[in-house]
Amino acid sequence: MVLPPQGMAPAKLGMMSPRTAAVAAAVSSQPITFFRDTRPQARWDSIQTRIIVRGGMQILVVEDHQDTREVLTGLLKRWGHDVSPADSLKSGMDRLDNGPPVDVILSDIALPDGTGYALVSEARRRGKRVLAIALSGYTYPSDVHIAKLTGFDHHLTKPCDSAYLRTILEDRAKWEQTLAKD
């Protein structure tokens, strides 16, 4: 049985797929256990402490599917990051222009008013130095190639492997820490 996440009405939970509901419940009320972390705990503790002390990275999540956006936002916040959710190309661009500086863009490709390709290519054109991660159901090699051409650094397929996403973010945090030392 899946219990509703804290603050989410059971009727809303019933509208989710069973997988999304299970992940939402895990993110909101239980320790994250839906992936296996095989790294030594001491190494992870030092990375986690550094990220939390720094206040986490500022991540812009652009996803038009509300349940997916909410689950990603909850997961990233649980990992210690500051998250700005957006549901469209326009709201994503507004957050880039008017919000705090963004370290990471995590964006769907197909958005109601444009594409994640347009979002990231515009961010790059404006000189934004961000880690850009595509999160999409588009999985053909040509889709991955287009994502790279438009400025994405990584292309993850839905459903996302959270352990891999976490590794990408940890690597970015280490890179940022190296730059701060120089």
C-alpha atoms as a PDB file:
ATOM      1  CA  MET A   1       0.000   0.000   0.000  1.00  0.00           C
ATOM      2  CA  VAL A   2       1.254   3.464  -0.890  1.00  0.00           C
ATOM      3  CA  LEU A   3       0.574   6.172   1.658  1.00  0.00           C
ATOM      4  CA  PRO A   4       0.054   9.716   0.411  1.00  0.00           C
ATOM      5  CA  PRO A   5       3.055  12.022   0.770  1.00  0.00           C
ATOM      6  CA  GLN A   6       2.809  14.673   3.452  1.00  0.00           C
ATOM      7  CA  GLY A   7       0.708  17.564   2.219  1.00  0.00           C
ATOM      8  CA  MET A   8      -0.743  15.669  -0.774  1.00  0.00           C
ATOM      9  CA  ALA A   9      -4.421  14.776  -0.787  1.00  0.00           C
ATOM     10  CA  PRO A  10      -5.303  11.117  -1.449  1.00  0.00           C
ATOM     11  CA  ALA A  11      -7.447  12.128  -4.447  1.00  0.00           C
ATOM     12  CA  LYS A  12      -4.408  13.718  -6.084  1.00  0.00           C
ATOM     13  CA  LEU A  13      -2.354  10.622  -5.330  1.00  0.00           C
ATOM     14  CA  GLY A  14      -4.967   8.465  -7.039  1.00  0.00           C
ATOM     15  CA  MET A  15      -4.392  10.376 -10.283  1.00  0.00           C
ATOM     16  CA  MET A  16      -0.711   9.344 -10.357  1.00  0.00           C
ATOM     17  CA  SER A  17       0.634   6.189 -11.891  1.00  0.00           C
ATOM     18  CA  PRO A  18       1.555   3.550  -9.280  1.00  0.00           C
ATOM     19  CA  ARG A  19       5.271   4.119  -9.939  1.00  0.00           C
ATOM     20  CA  THR A  20       4.989   7.904  -9.563  1.00  0.00           C
ATOM     21  CA  ALA A  21       2.902   7.500  -6.404  1.00  0.00           C
ATOM     22  CA  ALA A  22       5.460   5.144  -4.883  1.00  0.00           C
ATOM     23  CA  VAL A  23       8.323   7.507  -5.666  1.00  0.00           C
ATOM     24  CA  ALA A  24       6.362  10.510  -4.386  1.00  0.00           C
ATOM     25  CA  ALA A  25       5.637   8.701  -1.131  1.00  0.00           C
ATOM     26  CA  ALA A  26       9.272   7.699  -0.784  1.00  0.00           C
ATOM     27  CA  VAL A  27      10.508  11.225  -1.403  1.00  0.00           C
ATOM     28  CA  SER A  28       8.087  12.885   0.973  1.00  0.00           C
ATOM     29  CA  SER A  29       7.929  10.575   3.955  1.00  0.00           C
ATOM     30  CA  GLN A  30      10.681   7.965   3.888  1.00  0.00           C
ATOM     31  CA  PRO A  31      14.448   7.856   3.396  1.00  0.00           C
ATOM     32  CA  ILE A  32      15.293   7.445  -0.266  1.00  0.00           C
ATOM     33  CA  THR A  33      15.634   3.710  -0.804  1.00  0.00           C
ATOM     34  CA  PHE A  34      14.631   3.180  -4.419  1.00  0.00           C
ATOM     35  CA  PHE A  35      18.218   2.945  -5.612  1.00  0.00           C
ATOM     36  CA  ARG A  36      21.266   1.210  -4.244  1.00  0.00           C
ATOM     37  CA  ASP A  37      24.212   3.377  -3.265  1.00  0.00           C
ATOM     38  CA  THR A  38      27.345   1.231  -3.341  1.00  0.00           C
ATOM     39  CA  ARG A  39      29.839   3.964  -2.476  1.00  0.00           C
ATOM     40  CA  PRO A  40      31.589   3.972   0.884  1.00  0.00           C
ATOM     41  CA  GLN A  41      29.451   5.867   3.394  1.00  0.00           C
ATOM     42  CA  ALA A  42      32.307   8.055   4.642  1.00  0.00           C
ATOM     43  CA  ARG A  43      32.924   9.396   1.126  1.00  0.00           C
ATOM     44  CA  TRP A  44      29.239  10.175   0.645  1.00  0.00           C
ATOM     45  CA  ASP A  45      28.999  11.825   4.082  1.00  0.00           C
ATOM     46  CA  SER A  46      31.822  14.235   3.207  1.00  0.00           C
ATOM     47  CA  ILE A  47      30.219  15.136  -0.126  1.00  0.00           C
ATOM     48  CA  GLN A  48      26.797  15.533   1.473  1.00  0.00           C
ATOM     49  CA  THR A  49      28.184  17.712   4.272  1.00  0.00           C
ATOM     50  CA  ARG A  50      29.971  19.983   1.800  1.00  0.00           C
ATOM     51  CA  ILE A  51      26.892  20.358  -0.385  1.00  0.00           C
ATOM     52  CA  ILE A  52      24.620  21.099   2.583  1.00  0.00           C
ATOM     53  CA  VAL A  53      27.094  23.574   4.100  1.00  0.00           C
ATOM     54  CA  ARG A  54      27.301  25.342   0.734  1.00  0.00           C
ATOM     55  CA  GLY A  55      23.514  25.417   0.640  1.00  0.00           C
ATOM     56  CA  GLY A  56      23.318  22.977  -2.256  1.00  0.00           C
ATOM     57  CA  MET A  57      23.240  23.906  -5.893  1.00  0.00           C
ATOM     58  CA  GLN A  58      20.552  26.101  -7.390  1.00  0.00           C
ATOM     59  CA  ILE A  59      18.663  23.849  -9.817  1.00  0.00           C
ATOM     60  CA  LEU A  60      16.042  24.957 -12.328  1.00  0.00           C
ATOM     61  CA  VAL A  61      13.635  22.089 -13.071  1.00  0.00           C
ATOM     62  CA  VAL A  62      11.592  22.694 -16.228  1.00  0.00           C
ATOM     63  CA  GLU A  63       8.943  19.994 -16.645  1.00  0.00           C
ATOM     64  CA  ASP A  64       5.357  20.399 -17.831  1.00  0.00           C
ATOM     65  CA  HIS A  65       4.066  17.183 -16.237  1.00  0.00           C
ATOM     66  CA  GLN A  66       3.093  18.262 -12.724  1.00  0.00           C
ATOM     67  CA  ASP A  67       3.649  14.921 -10.965  1.00  0.00           C
ATOM     68  CA  THR A  68       7.105  14.493 -12.497  1.00  0.00           C
ATOM     69  CA  ARG A  69       8.032  18.082 -11.628  1.00  0.00           C
ATOM     70  CA  GLU A  70       6.880  17.639  -8.019  1.00  0.00           C
ATOM     71  CA  VAL A  71       8.734  14.347  -7.561  1.00  0.00           C
ATOM     72  CA  LEU A  72      11.954  15.755  -9.052  1.00  0.00           C
ATOM     73  CA  THR A  73      11.663  18.900  -6.940  1.00  0.00           C
ATOM     74  CA  GLY A  74      11.150  16.855  -3.768  1.00  0.00           C
ATOM     75  CA  LEU A  75      14.023  14.524  -4.568  1.00  0.00           C
ATOM     76  CA  LEU A  76      16.462  17.342  -5.324  1.00  0.00           C
ATOM     77  CA  LYS A  77      15.448  19.258  -2.194  1.00  0.00           C
ATOM     78  CA  ARG A  78      15.934  16.118  -0.149  1.00  0.00           C
ATOM     79  CA  TRP A  79      19.467  15.921  -1.536  1.00  0.00           C
ATOM     80  CA  GLY A  80      20.095  19.435  -0.181  1.00  0.00           C
ATOM     81  CA  HIS A  81      19.637  21.529  -3.319  1.00  0.00           C
ATOM     82  CA  ASP A  82      17.632  24.707  -3.816  1.00  0.00           C
ATOM     83  CA  VAL A  83      15.086  24.095  -6.569  1.00  0.00           C
ATOM     84  CA  SER A  84      13.126  26.479  -8.785  1.00  0.00           C
ATOM     85  CA  PRO A  85      10.368  24.565 -10.594  1.00  0.00           C
ATOM     86  CA  ALA A  86       8.966  25.784 -13.910  1.00  0.00           C
ATOM     87  CA  ASP A  87       6.280  24.287 -16.139  1.00  0.00           C
ATOM     88  CA  SER A  88       7.050  25.879 -19.511  1.00  0.00           C
ATOM     89  CA  LEU A  89       9.723  27.468 -21.666  1.00  0.00           C
ATOM     90  CA  LYS A  90       8.476  30.936 -20.703  1.00  0.00           C
ATOM     91  CA  SER A  91       8.477  30.286 -16.955  1.00  0.00           C
ATOM     92  CA  GLY A  92      11.918  28.662 -17.231  1.00  0.00           C
ATOM     93  CA  MET A  93      13.313  31.708 -19.040  1.00  0.00           C
ATOM     94  CA  ASP A  94      11.666  34.000 -16.464  1.00  0.00           C
ATOM     95  CA  ARG A  95      13.409  32.129 -13.650  1.00  0.00           C
ATOM     96  CA  LEU A  96      16.743  32.323 -15.483  1.00  0.00           C
ATOM     97  CA  ASP A  97      16.310  36.073 -15.984  1.00  0.00           C
ATOM     98  CA  ASN A  98      14.818  37.057 -12.625  1.00  0.00           C
ATOM     99  CA  GLY A  99      15.692  34.327 -10.149  1.00  0.00           C
ATOM    100  CA  PRO A 100      18.879  33.511  -8.292  1.00  0.00           C
ATOM    101  CA  PRO A 101      21.846  32.391 -10.427  1.00  0.00           C
ATOM    102  CA  VAL A 102      21.314  28.812 -11.582  1.00  0.00           C
ATOM    103  CA  ASP A 103      23.972  26.093 -11.352  1.00  0.00           C
ATOM    104  CA  VAL A 104      21.968  23.378 -13.125  1.00  0.00           C
ATOM    105  CA  ILE A 105      19.114  23.266 -15.632  1.00  0.00           C
ATOM    106  CA  LEU A 106      17.187  19.982 -15.593  1.00  0.00           C
ATOM    107  CA  SER A 107      14.693  20.226 -18.436  1.00  0.00           C
ATOM    108  CA  ASP A 108      12.222  18.146 -20.351  1.00  0.00           C
ATOM    109  CA  ILE A 109      12.533  18.478 -24.128  1.00  0.00           C
ATOM    110  CA  ALA A 110       8.852  18.791 -25.094  1.00  0.00           C
ATOM    111  CA  LEU A 111       7.299  21.793 -23.350  1.00  0.00           C
ATOM    112  CA  PRO A 112       3.861  23.298 -24.022  1.00  0.00           C
ATOM    113  CA  ASP A 113       5.228  26.540 -25.474  1.00  0.00           C
ATOM    114  CA  GLY A 114       8.548  25.408 -26.933  1.00  0.00           C
ATOM    115  CA  THR A 115      11.370  23.024 -26.198  1.00  0.00           C
ATOM    116  CA  GLY A 116      14.106  22.410 -23.694  1.00  0.00           C
ATOM    117  CA  TYR A 117      16.456  22.765 -26.676  1.00  0.00           C
ATOM    118  CA  ALA A 118      15.365  26.405 -27.026  1.00  0.00           C
ATOM    119  CA  LEU A 119      15.726  27.019 -23.287  1.00  0.00           C
ATOM    120  CA  VAL A 120      19.284  25.719 -23.067  1.00  0.00           C
ATOM    121  CA  SER A 121      20.482  27.198 -26.354  1.00  0.00           C
ATOM    122  CA  GLU A 122      19.149  30.604 -25.244  1.00  0.00           C
ATOM    123  CA  ALA A 123      20.805  30.232 -21.831  1.00  0.00           C
ATOM    124  CA  ARG A 124      24.096  29.413 -23.579  1.00  0.00           C
ATOM    125  CA  ARG A 125      23.662  32.349 -25.979  1.00  0.00           C
ATOM    126  CA  ARG A 126      23.270  34.637 -22.956  1.00  0.00           C
ATOM    127  CA  GLY A 127      26.530  33.325 -21.504  1.00  0.00           C
ATOM    128  CA  LYS A 128      25.012  31.283 -18.677  1.00  0.00           C
ATOM    129  CA  ARG A 129      27.582  28.804 -17.361  1.00  0.00           C
ATOM    130  CA  VAL A 130      25.325  26.018 -16.174  1.00  0.00           C
ATOM    131  CA  LEU A 131      25.204  22.262 -16.207  1.00  0.00           C
ATOM    132  CA  ALA A 132      22.332  21.393 -18.555  1.00  0.00           C
ATOM    133  CA  ILE A 133      20.627  18.011 -18.252  1.00  0.00           C
ATOM    134  CA  ALA A 134      17.898  16.892 -20.646  1.00  0.00           C
ATOM    135  CA  LEU A 135      15.284  14.609 -19.112  1.00  0.00           C
ATOM    136  CA  SER A 136      13.109  13.204 -21.835  1.00  0.00           C
ATOM    137  CA  GLY A 137      11.217  10.306 -23.276  1.00  0.00           C
ATOM    138  CA  TYR A 138      12.935  11.035 -26.594  1.00  0.00           C
ATOM    139  CA  THR A 139      15.552   8.302 -26.708  1.00  0.00           C
ATOM    140  CA  TYR A 140      16.711   7.958 -30.299  1.00  0.00           C
ATOM    141  CA  PRO A 141      20.402   8.627 -30.963  1.00  0.00           C
ATOM    142  CA  SER A 142      19.334  11.622 -33.064  1.00  0.00           C
ATOM    143  CA  ASP A 143      17.512  13.085 -30.015  1.00  0.00           C
ATOM    144  CA  VAL A 144      20.653  12.748 -27.899  1.00  0.00           C
ATOM    145  CA  HIS A 145      22.706  14.322 -30.696  1.00  0.00           C
ATOM    146  CA  ILE A 146      20.339  17.302 -30.993  1.00  0.00           C
ATOM    147  CA  ALA A 147      20.461  17.763 -27.211  1.00  0.00           C
ATOM    148  CA  LYS A 148      24.264  17.915 -27.330  1.00  0.00           C
ATOM    149  CA  LEU A 149      24.213  20.331 -30.279  1.00  0.00           C
ATOM    150  CA  THR A 150      21.855  22.712 -28.486  1.00  0.00           C
ATOM    151  CA  GLY A 151      23.984  22.837 -25.342  1.00  0.00           C
ATOM    152  CA  PHE A 152      22.875  20.012 -23.075  1.00  0.00           C
ATOM    153  CA  ASP A 153      25.714  18.314 -21.213  1.00  0.00           C
ATOM    154  CA  HIS A 154      23.754  15.138 -20.431  1.00  0.00           C
ATOM    155  CA  HIS A 155      20.666  13.402 -21.807  1.00  0.00           C
ATOM    156  CA  LEU A 156      18.729  11.203 -19.364  1.00  0.00           C
ATOM    157  CA  THR A 157      15.714   9.159 -20.376  1.00  0.00           C
ATOM    158  CA  LYS A 158      12.459   8.923 -18.470  1.00  0.00           C
ATOM    159  CA  PRO A 159      12.067   7.256 -16.094  1.00  0.00           C
ATOM    160  CA  CYS A 160      15.284   8.697 -14.751  1.00  0.00           C
ATOM    161  CA  ASP A 161      17.885   6.618 -12.926  1.00  0.00           C
ATOM    162  CA  SER A 162      18.114   8.685  -9.742  1.00  0.00           C
ATOM    163  CA  ALA A 163      21.498   7.216  -8.778  1.00  0.00           C
ATOM    164  CA  TYR A 164      22.963   8.376 -12.077  1.00  0.00           C
ATOM    165  CA  LEU A 165      21.393  11.834 -11.715  1.00  0.00           C
ATOM    166  CA  ARG A 166      22.842  12.084  -8.222  1.00  0.00           C
ATOM    167  CA  THR A 167      26.299  11.126  -9.537  1.00  0.00           C
ATOM    168  CA  ILE A 168      26.114  13.820 -12.216  1.00  0.00           C
ATOM    169  CA  LEU A 169      25.193  16.435  -9.607  1.00  0.00           C
ATOM    170  CA  GLU A 170      27.915  15.290  -7.195  1.00  0.00           C
ATOM    171  CA  ASP A 171      30.501  15.488  -9.971  1.00  0.00           C
ATOM    172  CA  ARG A 172      29.367  19.031 -10.734  1.00  0.00           C
ATOM    173  CA  ALA A 173      29.613  19.991  -7.057  1.00  0.00           C
ATOM    174  CA  LYS A 174      33.185  18.638  -6.955  1.00  0.00           C
ATOM    175  CA  TRP A 175      34.044  20.609 -10.095  1.00  0.00           C
ATOM    176  CA  GLU A 176      32.602  23.791  -8.578  1.00  0.00           C
ATOM    177  CA  GLN A 177      34.614  23.166  -5.414  1.00  0.00           C
ATOM    178  CA  THR A 178      37.796  22.792  -7.485  1.00  0.00           C
ATOM    179  CA  LEU A 179      37.102  26.105  -9.227  1.00  0.00           C
ATOM    180  CA  ALA A 180      36.508  27.817  -5.885  1.00  0.00           C
ATOM    181  CA  LYS A 181      39.966  26.723  -4.675  1.00  0.00           C
ATOM    182  CA  ASP A 182      41.732  28.254  -7.693  1.00  0.00           C
END
